[in-house]
Protein backbone atom coordinates (compact mmCIF):
# COMPACT_ATOMS: atom_id res chain seq x y z
CA UNK A 1 -40.26 -34.22 53.96
CA UNK A 2 -40.75 -35.60 50.52
CA UNK A 3 -42.40 -32.37 49.46
CA UNK A 4 -39.40 -30.30 50.58
CA UNK A 5 -37.03 -32.57 48.66
CA UNK A 6 -39.14 -32.18 45.52
CA UNK A 7 -39.24 -28.39 45.86
CA UNK A 8 -35.50 -28.34 46.36
CA UNK A 9 -34.98 -30.55 43.30
CA UNK A 10 -37.26 -28.37 41.18
CA UNK A 11 -35.45 -25.22 42.37
CA UNK A 12 -32.06 -26.78 41.72
CA UNK A 13 -33.15 -27.89 38.24
CA UNK A 14 -34.45 -24.45 37.36
CA UNK A 15 -31.27 -22.83 38.68
CA UNK A 16 -29.14 -25.23 36.65
CA UNK A 17 -31.16 -24.54 33.49
CA UNK A 18 -30.88 -20.78 34.12
CA UNK A 19 -27.10 -21.04 34.67
CA UNK A 20 -26.61 -23.09 31.50
CA UNK A 21 -28.71 -20.56 29.58
CA UNK A 22 -26.56 -17.69 30.80
CA UNK A 23 -23.35 -19.53 29.93
CA UNK A 24 -24.58 -20.28 26.41
CA UNK A 25 -25.29 -16.63 25.63
CA UNK A 26 -22.40 -15.39 23.55
CA UNK A 27 -21.18 -11.86 23.93
CA UNK A 28 -19.77 -10.51 20.67
CA UNK A 29 -16.08 -9.82 20.88
CA UNK A 30 -15.03 -6.20 20.60
CA UNK A 31 -12.82 -5.30 17.71
CA UNK A 32 -9.32 -4.51 18.77
CA UNK A 33 -8.26 -1.50 16.77
CA UNK A 34 -4.65 -0.64 17.37
CA UNK A 35 -4.60 2.17 14.82
CA UNK A 36 -5.15 4.88 17.44
CA UNK A 37 -2.37 3.43 19.59
CA UNK A 38 0.01 3.49 16.62
CA UNK A 39 -0.87 7.14 15.92
CA UNK A 40 -0.29 8.06 19.59
CA UNK A 41 3.08 6.32 19.54
CA UNK A 42 4.15 8.14 16.38
CA UNK A 43 3.02 11.48 17.82
CA UNK A 44 4.89 10.89 21.05
CA UNK A 45 8.00 9.82 19.15
CA UNK A 46 7.87 13.06 17.17
CA UNK A 47 7.46 15.10 20.36
CA UNK A 48 10.45 13.36 21.96
CA UNK A 49 12.62 13.94 18.91
CA UNK A 50 11.65 17.62 18.69
CA UNK A 51 12.30 18.15 22.40
CA UNK A 52 15.67 16.43 22.13
CA UNK A 53 16.72 18.45 19.07
CA UNK A 54 15.64 21.73 20.69
CA UNK A 55 15.19 23.19 17.22
CA UNK A 56 11.59 24.36 17.11
CA UNK A 57 11.49 25.37 13.45
CA UNK A 58 7.95 24.82 12.25
CA UNK A 59 9.10 24.05 8.71
CA UNK A 60 11.45 21.30 9.90
CA UNK A 61 8.75 19.94 12.17
CA UNK A 62 6.32 19.96 9.24
CA UNK A 63 8.75 17.82 7.20
CA UNK A 64 9.08 15.37 10.10
CA UNK A 65 5.29 15.17 10.41
CA UNK A 66 4.85 14.52 6.70
CA UNK A 67 7.45 11.75 6.88
CA UNK A 68 5.73 10.07 9.84
CA UNK A 69 2.16 10.59 8.54
CA UNK A 70 2.32 10.67 4.73
CA UNK A 71 -1.39 10.20 3.98
CA UNK A 72 -3.14 12.29 6.62
CA UNK A 73 -3.35 15.94 7.55
CA UNK A 74 -2.54 17.47 10.87
CA UNK A 75 -1.45 20.49 12.81
CA UNK A 76 1.69 21.37 14.73
CA UNK A 77 1.76 24.02 17.42
CA UNK A 78 4.76 25.56 19.20
CA UNK A 79 3.92 28.19 21.82
CA UNK A 80 0.58 28.97 20.12
CA UNK A 81 2.15 29.31 16.66
CA UNK A 82 0.34 26.82 14.44
CA UNK A 83 1.08 25.31 11.08
CA UNK A 84 -0.92 22.83 9.02
CA UNK A 85 0.95 19.78 7.81
CA UNK A 86 0.36 16.69 5.76
CA UNK A 87 -2.12 15.94 3.02
CA UNK A 88 -4.79 18.70 3.00
CA UNK A 89 -7.24 16.54 1.03
CA UNK A 90 -7.65 14.11 3.94
CA UNK A 91 -8.92 16.82 6.34
CA UNK A 92 -12.58 15.94 5.67
CA UNK A 93 -12.95 13.88 8.86
CA UNK A 94 -13.78 15.32 12.25
CA UNK A 95 -11.77 12.78 14.26
CA UNK A 96 -8.52 14.09 15.69
CA UNK A 97 -5.83 12.45 17.80
CA UNK A 98 -3.62 14.92 19.63
CA UNK A 99 -0.58 14.86 21.92
CA UNK A 100 1.14 17.66 23.78
CA UNK A 101 4.29 18.12 25.81
CA UNK A 102 5.98 20.93 27.70
CA UNK A 103 9.73 21.34 27.23
CA UNK A 104 11.82 23.32 29.71
CA UNK A 105 15.05 24.87 28.44
CA UNK A 106 18.31 25.55 30.30
CA UNK A 107 17.00 28.74 31.94
CA UNK A 108 13.61 27.08 32.69
CA UNK A 109 11.66 28.82 29.92
CA UNK A 110 8.82 26.58 28.86
CA UNK A 111 7.95 25.58 25.30
CA UNK A 112 4.62 23.91 24.65
CA UNK A 113 4.66 21.59 21.66
CA UNK A 114 1.55 19.85 20.37
CA UNK A 115 0.80 17.71 17.36
CA UNK A 116 -2.64 16.70 16.07
CA UNK A 117 -3.53 14.14 13.43
CA UNK A 118 -6.87 14.50 11.62
CA UNK A 119 -8.48 11.34 10.32
């Protein structure tokens, strides 16, 4: 019996050392970047405003985009008609954040509005 108690104690000690070792390993914290969330919120706000106004003038929408995103470039699309907006010098990046909505008018004609921000 004394041998079994020793084996159990050795196993328990090794398990405890292993558990403490695992708990001491630190996992690096991930950076919380809320920039993409802010861009999505601005895009969705623009889409809501444009749908509420029901005035789908690309020039007016371009002005709204440039007000919301003064330092970046982007693209606005209404029913496959596209216009570039914003600062054209910042279009060097390949990362894009895009949002799209479908608006239904009084006689149920659909209008697809999308906005993309290039970073």
